[in-house]
Protein backbone atom coordinates (compact mmCIF):
# COMPACT_ATOMS: atom_id res chain seq x y z
CA MET A 1 107.23 338.32 11.68
CA SER A 2 107.02 339.69 8.36
CA SER A 3 106.17 343.61 8.07
CA LYS A 4 103.95 345.10 5.91
CA PRO A 5 103.77 348.55 3.99
CA GLY A 6 101.59 350.32 6.05
CA SER A 7 103.34 349.00 9.53
CA LEU A 8 106.61 350.08 8.29
CA ILE A 9 105.00 353.18 7.32
CA SER A 10 103.60 354.06 10.88
CA GLY A 11 106.96 352.69 12.59
CA LEU A 12 108.24 355.45 10.27
CA ARG A 13 106.19 358.30 11.40
CA ARG A 14 106.42 356.96 14.68
CA ARG A 15 109.79 357.41 14.79
CA HIS A 16 109.90 361.03 13.62
CA GLU A 17 107.56 362.16 15.96
CA ARG A 18 109.82 361.22 18.47
CA ARG A 19 112.36 363.28 16.44
CA ARG A 20 110.34 366.42 16.37
CA ARG A 21 109.49 366.42 20.35
CA LEU A 22 113.38 365.97 21.15
CA PHE A 23 115.04 368.09 19.11
CA PRO A 24 113.68 371.54 20.35
CA ARG A 25 114.15 370.04 23.91
CA ALA A 26 117.60 369.69 22.40
CA LEU A 27 118.42 373.34 21.73
CA LEU A 28 116.35 374.14 24.89
CA VAL A 29 118.69 372.16 26.80
CA GLY A 30 121.94 373.56 25.14
CA VAL A 31 120.50 376.99 25.65
CA GLY A 32 120.40 376.50 29.49
CA VAL A 33 123.69 374.38 29.14
CA GLY A 34 125.56 377.64 27.53
CA LEU A 35 124.17 379.58 30.06
CA VAL A 36 125.10 378.09 33.09
CA SER A 37 128.39 377.41 31.61
CA SER A 38 129.04 380.65 31.04
CA PHE A 39 128.21 381.91 34.46
CA PHE A 40 130.25 378.96 35.94
CA ARG A 41 133.32 380.14 33.49
CA ALA A 42 132.93 384.19 34.50
CA ALA A 43 132.19 383.03 38.05
CA VAL A 44 135.93 381.18 38.01
CA ASP A 45 137.30 383.66 36.16
CA ARG A 46 136.26 386.14 38.78
CA GLY A 47 137.54 383.96 41.71
CA GLU A 48 141.40 383.91 40.20
CA ASP A 49 140.91 387.38 39.50
CA LEU A 50 140.47 387.80 43.63
CA ARG A 51 142.96 385.50 44.47
CA ALA A 52 145.49 387.31 42.49
CA ALA A 53 144.46 390.48 44.34
CA LEU A 54 144.80 388.76 47.49
CA LEU A 55 148.29 388.06 46.64
CA GLY A 56 149.49 391.48 45.44
CA ASN A 57 147.73 392.68 48.96
CA LEU A 58 149.47 390.05 51.25
CA HIS A 59 152.86 389.49 49.71
CA PRO A 60 154.06 392.91 51.64
CA ARG A 61 152.97 391.69 55.26
CA GLY A 62 155.46 388.64 54.57
CA VAL A 63 155.22 385.48 57.25
CA LEU A 64 151.75 386.82 58.56
CA GLY A 65 150.64 387.41 54.89
CA LEU A 66 151.39 384.15 53.88
CA LEU A 67 150.22 382.44 56.86
CA ALA A 68 146.55 384.34 56.21
CA PHE A 69 147.05 383.55 52.98
CA MET A 70 147.13 379.54 53.42
CA SER A 71 144.37 379.68 56.10
CA LEU A 72 142.25 381.51 53.21
CA GLY A 73 143.30 378.48 50.87
CA ALA A 74 142.26 375.74 53.76
CA ALA A 75 138.98 377.09 54.31
CA ALA A 76 137.97 377.80 50.31
CA VAL A 77 138.88 373.88 50.02
CA THR A 78 137.40 372.79 53.33
CA LEU A 79 134.19 375.18 52.37
CA ALA A 80 134.06 373.32 48.95
CA VAL A 81 134.44 369.78 50.47
CA LEU A 82 131.81 370.43 52.94
CA MET A 83 128.98 371.57 50.34
CA VAL A 84 129.59 367.96 48.60
CA ARG A 85 129.79 366.12 51.52
CA ARG A 86 126.37 367.47 53.27
CA PHE A 87 124.10 368.78 50.50
CA ALA A 88 125.26 366.35 47.07
CA PRO A 89 127.86 363.89 47.27
CA ALA A 90 127.63 363.17 43.87
CA ALA A 91 129.20 366.20 42.61
CA ALA A 92 132.71 365.26 44.13
CA GLY A 93 135.56 365.02 41.74
CA SER A 94 134.38 365.61 38.09
CA GLY A 95 130.96 363.86 38.00
CA ILE A 96 131.73 361.95 34.89
CA PRO A 97 131.72 358.70 36.61
CA ASN A 98 128.47 359.61 38.47
CA LEU A 99 126.91 360.47 34.94
CA LYS A 100 127.62 357.15 33.27
CA ALA A 101 126.38 355.67 36.38
CA VAL A 102 123.19 357.40 35.91
CA LEU A 103 122.95 356.85 32.08
CA HIS A 104 123.54 352.81 32.67
CA ARG A 105 120.26 353.85 35.02
CA ALA A 106 122.77 352.35 38.11
CA ARG A 107 121.95 355.84 39.74
CA ALA A 108 119.49 358.40 39.96
CA MET A 109 120.48 362.20 38.32
CA GLY A 110 120.73 365.04 41.27
CA GLY A 111 118.68 367.66 40.29
CA ALA A 112 119.02 371.54 41.44
CA ARG A 113 120.73 370.99 44.44
CA LEU A 114 123.71 369.02 42.72
CA ILE A 115 123.99 371.91 39.78
CA MET A 116 124.46 374.60 42.77
CA VAL A 117 126.96 372.53 45.33
CA LYS A 118 128.63 371.64 42.06
CA PHE A 119 129.01 375.39 40.81
CA PHE A 120 129.76 377.08 43.58
CA GLY A 121 131.58 374.16 45.19
CA GLY A 122 133.44 373.45 42.25
CA ALA A 123 134.15 377.88 41.85
CA ALA A 124 135.54 377.63 45.82
CA ALA A 125 137.37 374.89 44.87
CA ILE A 126 139.17 376.36 41.43
CA THR A 127 139.55 379.75 43.23
CA SER A 128 141.48 378.37 45.64
CA GLY A 129 144.18 376.89 43.37
CA LEU A 130 143.74 373.52 43.06
CA ALA A 131 144.93 372.00 40.31
CA LEU A 132 141.40 371.63 39.06
CA GLY A 133 139.29 372.02 36.06
CA ARG A 134 135.89 373.74 35.17
CA GLU A 135 135.18 371.25 32.20
CA GLY A 136 134.10 368.10 34.78
CA PRO A 137 131.49 370.65 36.59
CA THR A 138 130.00 372.15 33.18
CA ILE A 139 129.52 368.14 31.65
CA GLN A 140 127.86 366.97 35.11
CA MET A 141 125.73 370.28 35.49
CA GLY A 142 124.41 369.92 32.12
CA GLY A 143 123.61 366.37 31.83
CA ALA A 144 121.84 367.58 35.95
CA LEU A 145 120.08 370.47 33.40
CA GLY A 146 118.97 368.25 30.95
CA SER A 147 117.14 366.21 33.35
CA LEU A 148 115.18 369.09 35.22
CA LEU A 149 114.06 369.79 31.84
CA SER A 150 112.89 366.90 30.75
CA ARG A 151 111.34 366.17 34.00
CA ARG A 152 109.17 369.03 33.16
CA LEU A 153 108.40 368.29 30.08
CA ARG A 154 107.25 365.41 30.85
CA SER A 155 109.51 363.11 28.82
CA THR A 156 109.63 359.25 28.52
CA ALA A 157 112.77 357.73 30.40
CA HIS A 158 114.27 357.19 27.02
CA GLU A 159 114.25 361.01 26.11
CA ARG A 160 115.03 361.69 29.53
CA GLN A 161 118.40 359.58 29.08
CA VAL A 162 119.11 361.75 25.76
CA MET A 163 118.71 364.94 27.30
CA ILE A 164 120.88 363.90 30.12
CA SER A 165 123.29 362.74 27.42
CA ALA A 166 122.71 365.63 25.20
CA GLY A 167 123.11 368.29 28.70
CA ALA A 168 126.62 366.92 29.15
CA GLY A 169 127.78 367.34 25.37
CA ALA A 170 126.99 370.80 25.97
CA GLY A 171 128.67 371.28 29.00
CA LEU A 172 131.68 369.98 27.50
CA ALA A 173 131.05 372.17 24.43
CA ALA A 174 130.26 375.66 26.18
CA ALA A 175 133.64 374.93 28.45
CA PHE A 176 136.28 374.87 25.72
CA ASN A 177 134.08 376.21 22.82
CA ALA A 178 134.51 372.32 21.02
CA PRO A 179 131.03 371.52 20.11
CA LEU A 180 132.39 368.58 18.27
CA ALA A 181 134.21 367.18 20.58
CA GLY A 182 130.83 367.76 23.47
CA LEU A 183 129.54 365.53 20.68
CA ILE A 184 132.12 363.02 20.07
CA PHE A 185 133.14 362.44 23.76
CA VAL A 186 129.43 361.71 24.55
CA LEU A 187 129.14 358.83 21.72
CA GLU A 188 132.84 357.71 22.48
CA GLU A 189 133.33 357.90 26.23
CA VAL A 190 129.40 358.92 28.07
CA GLN A 191 127.24 356.77 25.88
CA LYS A 192 129.18 354.70 23.83
CA ASN A 193 126.46 354.46 21.82
CA PHE A 194 126.05 356.20 18.11
CA ALA A 195 122.11 355.93 18.15
CA PRO A 196 120.44 358.39 15.49
CA GLY A 197 118.31 360.32 18.15
CA ILE A 198 121.40 360.84 21.00
CA PHE A 199 123.76 362.06 17.67
CA THR A 200 121.11 364.74 16.62
CA ALA A 201 119.94 365.89 19.83
CA THR A 202 123.89 366.13 21.33
CA PHE A 203 124.73 367.81 18.48
CA ILE A 204 122.13 370.18 19.06
CA ALA A 205 122.64 370.96 21.95
CA SER A 206 126.34 371.05 22.04
CA VAL A 207 126.28 373.77 18.88
CA THR A 208 123.87 375.99 20.65
CA ALA A 209 125.87 375.55 24.33
CA ASP A 210 129.00 376.74 22.26
CA SER A 211 126.71 379.76 20.54
CA VAL A 212 126.29 381.04 23.67
CA SER A 213 129.51 380.78 24.99
CA ARG A 214 130.96 382.43 22.14
CA VAL A 215 128.33 385.38 22.01
CA LEU A 216 129.30 385.93 25.93
CA PHE A 217 132.97 385.89 25.68
CA GLY A 218 133.70 385.78 22.40
CA GLN A 219 135.03 383.47 19.05
CA ARG A 220 138.24 382.87 20.13
CA ALA A 221 139.94 379.71 20.15
CA VAL A 222 140.75 378.76 24.08
CA PHE A 223 144.53 377.84 23.10
CA PRO A 224 144.86 379.94 19.74
CA THR A 225 147.72 379.25 17.98
CA LEU A 226 150.00 380.91 15.03
CA PRO A 227 149.91 378.75 11.68
CA VAL A 228 151.80 375.61 11.98
CA ALA A 229 153.11 374.10 9.36
CA ALA A 230 152.60 370.15 8.96
CA PRO A 231 155.59 368.15 10.30
CA ALA A 232 157.14 366.47 7.59
CA LEU A 233 156.65 362.44 7.40
CA ALA A 234 160.17 361.68 8.93
CA ALA A 235 159.10 363.58 12.11
CA ILE A 236 156.27 360.86 12.08
CA PRO A 237 157.90 358.07 14.38
CA LEU A 238 159.15 360.50 16.75
CA PHE A 239 155.66 361.69 17.20
CA ILE A 240 155.14 357.98 17.70
CA LEU A 241 157.32 358.03 20.51
CA LEU A 242 155.55 360.84 22.27
CA GLY A 243 153.02 358.55 22.09
CA VAL A 244 154.39 356.03 23.93
CA ALA A 245 155.55 358.52 26.54
CA ALA A 246 152.15 360.07 27.00
CA GLY A 247 150.96 356.86 27.61
CA VAL A 248 153.05 355.60 30.16
CA LEU A 249 152.61 358.93 31.99
CA ALA A 250 149.26 358.19 31.45
CA VAL A 251 148.81 354.34 32.81
CA VAL A 252 151.11 355.96 35.65
CA PHE A 253 148.66 358.73 36.63
CA ASN A 254 145.98 356.45 36.68
CA ARG A 255 147.33 354.23 38.91
CA ALA A 256 148.78 357.28 40.82
CA LEU A 257 144.92 358.48 40.76
CA LEU A 258 143.05 355.47 41.59
CA ALA A 259 145.59 355.06 45.01
CA THR A 260 144.95 358.12 45.78
CA MET A 261 141.24 357.85 45.99
CA ARG A 262 141.61 354.32 48.00
CA THR A 263 143.84 356.19 50.58
CA MET A 264 141.19 358.60 51.15
CA ASP A 265 138.56 356.07 51.47
CA ARG A 266 140.22 353.85 54.14
CA LEU A 267 140.77 357.32 56.24
CA GLY A 268 138.02 358.83 58.44
CA ALA A 269 135.80 361.56 57.48
CA ARG A 270 137.61 363.85 59.76
CA CYS A 271 140.91 363.44 58.52
CA ARG A 272 139.61 363.57 54.87
CA LEU A 273 138.54 366.76 55.82
CA GLY A 274 142.14 367.61 57.53
CA PHE A 275 143.47 366.53 54.22
CA ALA A 276 142.08 368.64 51.65
CA GLY A 277 142.61 371.59 54.16
CA ALA A 278 146.20 370.53 53.86
CA VAL A 279 146.09 370.58 50.60
CA GLY A 280 144.45 373.72 50.48
CA ALA A 281 147.16 375.45 52.77
CA ALA A 282 150.01 373.82 50.45
CA VAL A 283 148.18 375.23 47.08
CA ALA A 284 148.18 378.60 48.58
CA ALA A 285 151.97 378.48 49.58
CA ILE A 286 152.85 377.39 46.27
CA ALA A 287 150.74 380.05 44.94
CA TRP A 288 152.32 382.71 46.86
CA LEU A 289 155.83 381.72 45.73
CA GLU A 290 154.70 381.05 41.86
CA PRO A 291 151.20 381.99 41.25
CA GLY A 292 151.00 380.79 37.78
CA LEU A 293 151.93 376.78 38.61
CA VAL A 294 148.10 376.63 40.19
CA GLY A 295 144.65 376.45 39.42
CA GLY A 296 143.78 374.64 35.97
CA GLY A 297 146.79 375.46 34.18
CA GLY A 298 145.93 377.36 31.21
CA ARG A 299 148.54 379.59 30.99
CA LEU A 300 151.12 376.63 31.62
CA VAL A 301 149.40 375.58 28.20
CA GLU A 302 149.80 378.35 26.59
CA GLN A 303 152.78 379.13 27.54
CA ALA A 304 154.18 375.16 26.33
CA ILE A 305 152.47 376.59 22.74
CA ALA A 306 154.38 379.24 22.62
CA GLY A 307 157.73 377.06 23.08
CA ARG A 308 159.20 379.01 26.39
CA GLY A 309 160.99 376.70 28.78
CA LEU A 310 163.70 374.45 29.37
CA VAL A 311 163.62 371.07 29.51
CA GLN A 312 164.77 370.75 33.04
CA SER A 313 162.15 373.21 33.92
CA LEU A 314 159.27 371.64 31.99
CA LEU A 315 160.00 367.69 33.59
CA ALA A 316 160.21 369.45 37.04
CA MET A 317 157.07 371.40 35.99
CA VAL A 318 155.26 368.15 35.32
CA LEU A 319 156.37 366.57 38.47
CA LEU A 320 154.80 369.48 40.78
CA ARG A 321 151.75 369.39 38.39
CA PHE A 322 151.12 365.61 38.31
CA VAL A 323 151.21 365.51 42.24
CA LEU A 324 148.87 368.69 42.76
CA THR A 325 146.45 367.34 40.53
CA VAL A 326 146.51 363.97 42.18
CA ALA A 327 146.37 365.11 45.64
CA SER A 328 143.46 368.31 44.59
CA TYR A 329 141.56 365.48 43.21
CA GLY A 330 141.71 363.56 46.18
CA THR A 331 140.15 366.08 48.47
CA GLY A 332 136.99 365.03 47.09
CA ALA A 333 136.04 368.89 45.81
CA PRO A 334 134.13 369.16 42.49
CA GLY A 335 136.59 369.67 39.79
CA GLY A 336 137.70 368.10 36.48
CA ILE A 337 140.79 366.75 35.15
CA PHE A 338 140.67 367.27 31.14
CA ALA A 339 142.32 370.95 32.09
CA PRO A 340 144.95 369.29 34.72
CA LEU A 341 145.61 366.76 31.90
CA LEU A 342 145.98 369.06 29.36
CA VAL A 343 149.15 371.21 31.10
CA LEU A 344 150.77 367.51 31.64
CA GLY A 345 150.19 366.38 27.79
CA SER A 346 151.62 370.20 26.85
CA GLN A 347 154.77 370.28 29.14
CA THR A 348 156.05 366.43 28.36
CA GLY A 349 155.00 367.17 24.55
CA LEU A 350 157.56 370.06 24.78
CA ALA A 351 160.14 368.57 26.64
CA LEU A 352 160.33 366.05 24.28
CA GLY A 353 160.08 368.49 21.50
CA LEU A 354 163.19 371.01 22.80
CA VAL A 355 165.42 367.59 22.85
CA VAL A 356 164.59 366.56 19.24
CA THR A 357 165.33 370.41 18.15
CA ALA A 358 168.86 370.27 19.64
CA THR A 359 169.67 366.96 18.60
CA LEU A 360 167.89 367.16 14.77
CA PRO A 361 167.56 370.83 14.34
CA THR A 362 167.11 370.38 10.37
CA LEU A 363 163.86 368.58 11.14
CA GLY A 364 161.60 371.85 11.63
CA VAL A 365 158.66 371.17 13.81
CA ALA A 366 157.74 374.40 15.69
CA PRO A 367 157.60 374.07 19.43
CA ALA A 368 153.49 374.20 19.34
CA ALA A 369 152.97 370.91 17.35
CA TRP A 370 154.76 368.91 20.07
CA ALA A 371 152.58 370.93 22.80
CA VAL A 372 149.89 370.29 21.12
CA VAL A 373 150.29 366.40 20.04
CA GLY A 374 151.26 365.76 24.07
CA MET A 375 147.71 366.81 25.16
CA ALA A 376 145.82 364.66 22.35
CA ALA A 377 148.59 361.87 23.21
CA LEU A 378 148.01 361.71 27.09
CA PHE A 379 144.15 362.38 27.04
CA ALA A 380 144.10 359.41 24.43
CA GLY A 381 146.00 357.21 27.01
CA THR A 382 144.34 358.17 30.36
CA VAL A 383 140.35 358.33 28.90
CA ARG A 384 141.05 356.24 26.08
CA ALA A 385 138.89 358.47 23.76
CA PRO A 386 141.12 359.27 21.19
CA LEU A 387 138.98 361.00 18.88
CA THR A 388 137.33 363.23 21.49
CA GLY A 389 140.96 364.32 22.08
CA ILE A 390 142.18 364.76 18.66
CA VAL A 391 139.13 366.82 17.85
CA LEU A 392 139.12 368.86 20.82
CA MET A 393 143.19 369.88 20.47
CA LEU A 394 141.76 370.79 16.60
CA GLU A 395 139.01 372.95 17.81
CA MET A 396 141.02 374.19 21.07
CA THR A 397 143.76 375.47 18.64
CA GLU A 398 143.04 375.43 15.27
CA SER A 399 146.14 372.94 14.24
CA TYR A 400 143.91 371.42 11.89
CA SER A 401 147.53 370.85 10.14
CA LEU A 402 148.60 368.65 12.55
CA MET A 403 146.01 365.88 11.81
CA LEU A 404 148.57 363.20 10.89
CA PRO A 405 151.16 363.90 14.57
CA LEU A 406 147.94 363.72 16.40
CA LEU A 407 146.56 360.33 15.17
CA VAL A 408 149.46 358.38 15.28
CA ALA A 409 150.92 359.76 18.58
CA SER A 410 147.04 359.82 19.92
CA PHE A 411 146.80 355.67 18.78
CA ALA A 412 150.18 354.97 20.23
CA ALA A 413 149.67 356.34 23.87
CA GLN A 414 146.45 354.21 23.67
CA TRP A 415 147.87 350.76 22.87
CA VAL A 416 150.70 351.35 25.64
CA ALA A 417 148.31 351.58 28.25
CA ASP A 418 146.16 348.81 26.48
CA ILE A 419 149.01 346.66 26.60
CA LEU A 420 149.85 347.67 30.06
CA ARG A 421 146.56 346.68 30.70
CA GLU A 422 145.17 349.68 32.21
CA PRO A 423 141.90 350.40 32.67
CA PRO A 424 140.37 354.03 31.38
CA ILE A 425 140.50 356.51 34.45
CA TYR A 426 136.65 357.17 34.05
CA ASP A 427 135.31 353.52 33.72
CA ALA A 428 137.88 352.93 36.95
CA LEU A 429 136.41 355.81 38.85
CA LEU A 430 132.87 354.11 37.47
CA GLN A 431 133.67 351.23 39.16
CA ARG A 432 134.69 353.01 42.49
CA GLU A 433 131.36 354.89 42.45
CA LEU A 434 129.14 352.01 41.74
CA GLN A 435 131.12 350.48 44.90
CA THR A 436 130.87 353.04 47.19
CA ALA A 437 127.31 352.26 48.67
CA SER A 438 126.49 355.98 49.83
CA ALA A 439 127.87 358.04 46.92
CA THR A 440 124.57 358.22 45.40
CA GLN A 441 120.84 356.97 45.66
CA LEU A 442 119.89 353.78 43.77
CA PRO A 443 116.71 354.52 41.91
CA ALA A 444 113.37 354.20 43.85
CA SER A 445 111.44 352.22 40.91
CA ALA A 446 111.76 349.87 38.08
CA MET A 447 113.30 351.75 35.45
CA MET A 448 112.21 351.48 31.31
CA LEU A 449 115.38 351.00 28.95
CA GLU A 450 115.46 351.44 25.20
CA LEU A 451 118.67 349.68 23.75
CA ASP A 452 119.04 348.98 20.19
CA VAL A 453 120.90 345.79 19.52
CA HIS A 454 123.93 346.37 17.67
CA PRO A 455 125.31 344.51 14.76
CA GLY A 456 128.09 341.41 15.76
CA ALA A 457 126.62 341.85 19.46
CA PRO A 458 126.61 338.39 21.68
CA PHE A 459 122.45 338.82 22.08
CA VAL A 460 122.04 338.79 17.63
CA GLY A 461 120.66 335.55 16.85
CA SER A 462 119.64 333.92 20.26
CA LYS A 463 116.45 333.63 22.10
CA VAL A 464 115.68 335.63 24.75
CA SER A 465 115.61 332.37 26.79
CA GLU A 466 118.64 331.69 26.23
CA ILE A 467 120.47 335.02 26.96
CA GLY A 468 120.09 334.94 30.76
CA LEU A 469 118.53 337.63 31.67
CA PRO A 470 118.73 338.03 35.72
CA VAL A 471 115.46 338.13 38.14
CA GLY A 472 114.32 341.88 37.92
CA VAL A 473 114.68 342.06 33.92
CA LEU A 474 111.95 341.87 31.93
CA ILE A 475 112.27 342.67 28.17
CA VAL A 476 108.54 343.80 27.61
CA ALA A 477 108.73 344.76 24.01
CA LEU A 478 110.86 344.95 20.78
CA GLU A 479 110.41 347.33 17.84
CA ARG A 480 111.58 345.72 14.44
CA ARG A 481 111.84 347.53 11.37
CA GLY A 482 108.97 350.28 12.55
CA VAL A 483 107.01 347.48 13.66
CA ASP A 484 106.32 346.32 17.27
CA PHE A 485 106.02 342.62 18.56
CA VAL A 486 105.18 341.20 21.92
CA VAL A 487 108.42 339.37 23.11
CA THR A 488 108.15 335.42 24.11
CA GLY A 489 111.18 333.17 25.69
CA ALA A 490 111.42 331.82 21.88
CA THR A 491 111.68 335.10 19.94
CA LEU A 492 114.92 335.63 18.19
CA LEU A 493 116.95 338.77 18.53
CA ASN A 494 118.51 340.45 15.51
CA ALA A 495 120.78 343.27 14.91
CA GLY A 496 118.90 346.57 14.62
CA ASP A 497 116.09 345.47 17.03
CA ARG A 498 115.27 347.75 19.79
CA LEU A 499 114.55 346.36 22.98
CA ALA A 500 111.96 347.88 25.86
CA ILE A 501 113.20 346.61 28.95
CA ALA A 502 112.20 347.06 32.35
CA VAL A 503 114.87 346.50 35.27
CA ALA A 504 114.02 346.42 38.97
CA PRO A 505 116.46 348.70 41.21
CA GLU A 506 117.60 345.40 42.92
CA ALA A 507 118.80 343.99 39.57
CA ALA A 508 120.73 347.25 38.18
CA HIS A 509 124.00 344.85 38.53
CA ALA A 510 122.63 343.21 35.43
CA LEU A 511 123.07 346.80 33.35
CA GLY A 512 126.59 346.37 32.49
CA PRO A 513 126.50 342.40 31.25
CA LEU A 514 123.01 343.38 29.71
CA ARG A 515 125.08 346.45 27.62
CA VAL A 516 127.60 344.20 26.74
CA GLY A 517 125.29 341.37 24.89
CA LEU A 518 123.79 344.03 23.22
CA GLY A 519 126.96 345.44 22.11
CA LEU A 520 126.69 348.60 23.32
CA GLU A 521 129.63 348.23 25.70
CA HIS A 522 132.72 345.77 25.42
CA ASP A 523 134.03 343.23 27.87
């Protein structure tokens, strides 16, 4: 299979032509996602203002006001869940597991209906005070918008997948003013593929969406902090200890969340709806007593970064927010877990920091350092995407001096979760997604994939006839160094090959092993 210079040049031109087509589309995706995310952010902010105003009006009415407020909370959550159940079941929860299923070609991407349900259902759920974040909805809406635009622009199957990924990264970038985190999240967690096309398209879309968000909401960081001095090297072992604690908390959180979801699966539809209403009423009662404890928890993170709180009160708040987050996600209402994880991580980090400060007052580590590092560590232990967590904290807080503590704590948390054999939360939820037949519909026709063979992959050096492709999966073409080849059973697969693969809907279950064999994922 030797290649000629002319064929190589022709292949390079074809790749350039694909990039030329894709990058303007990524820019368009970024603008669209930036606008949708900004509107969603404004809707949530307005909803939280409305909740505060209702509290102010109903408080003077005593018990009757409390009952009315609890009824409104129950109604808002019930409405959000009913919207999901009736119009777009794929909009439940954060939507990231569903997005991953789409990119695995195991689910079809929702369109305008999913975006509408995610937007209005998510706004209703977060406005009610559920401990959910807006980043999950913006990521899924971004992916759905990328899919819609790809259909309008008559894109290929590969281009559609890239645009979905770019939209997802743009959604995270716009939610947290964090374009690099949006890019790394797609590469590290969603796609697990560092292909140049995905990298560049996601980068363009993320930067564009972030720019739109900054134009509409300003340049201010999500959690601005005062300048924090780099902690002394003597404090690094203590940050490793924080990472270990965050890893243990991450495992407990993941198991509690999954146990709640399994319990909900065993209940009937009416019981699940009743649970959602009960959670809405309970959250409203908590808000009646202390409004700052409910919702996404942005103000709680700001307080932790400012160093406000006592160890006992912080630990009690961690327990309360833990239960609220698990119960809120268990309702099935649209909303993410990024923001609630940041609350738990910041408060856990600050609690440990206060203990260290009382024990070793000469160490001189600022409270903000413990809170910021705690957020990244818990994210790494829960999601198992440490680079995303680190970059996200740097962009949200602008605390670049904390790079070393962020690194050691995040990887310590990931190590603990790995040692305890706890799967990453989105992988576990993805498995649940694929096992739930009614979650979404499988693609109705054969899927065409373009996947690369990565260096060191199990399939490298094997003949096509030896890799055990199941019925319904067919490698139809191979591109090597810009030259296209017809594939036979005797064709050897090399690192760097790009394969065109046809997958029948009934063979969608083989996508996971196929990606492992190509080196895109690990067992």
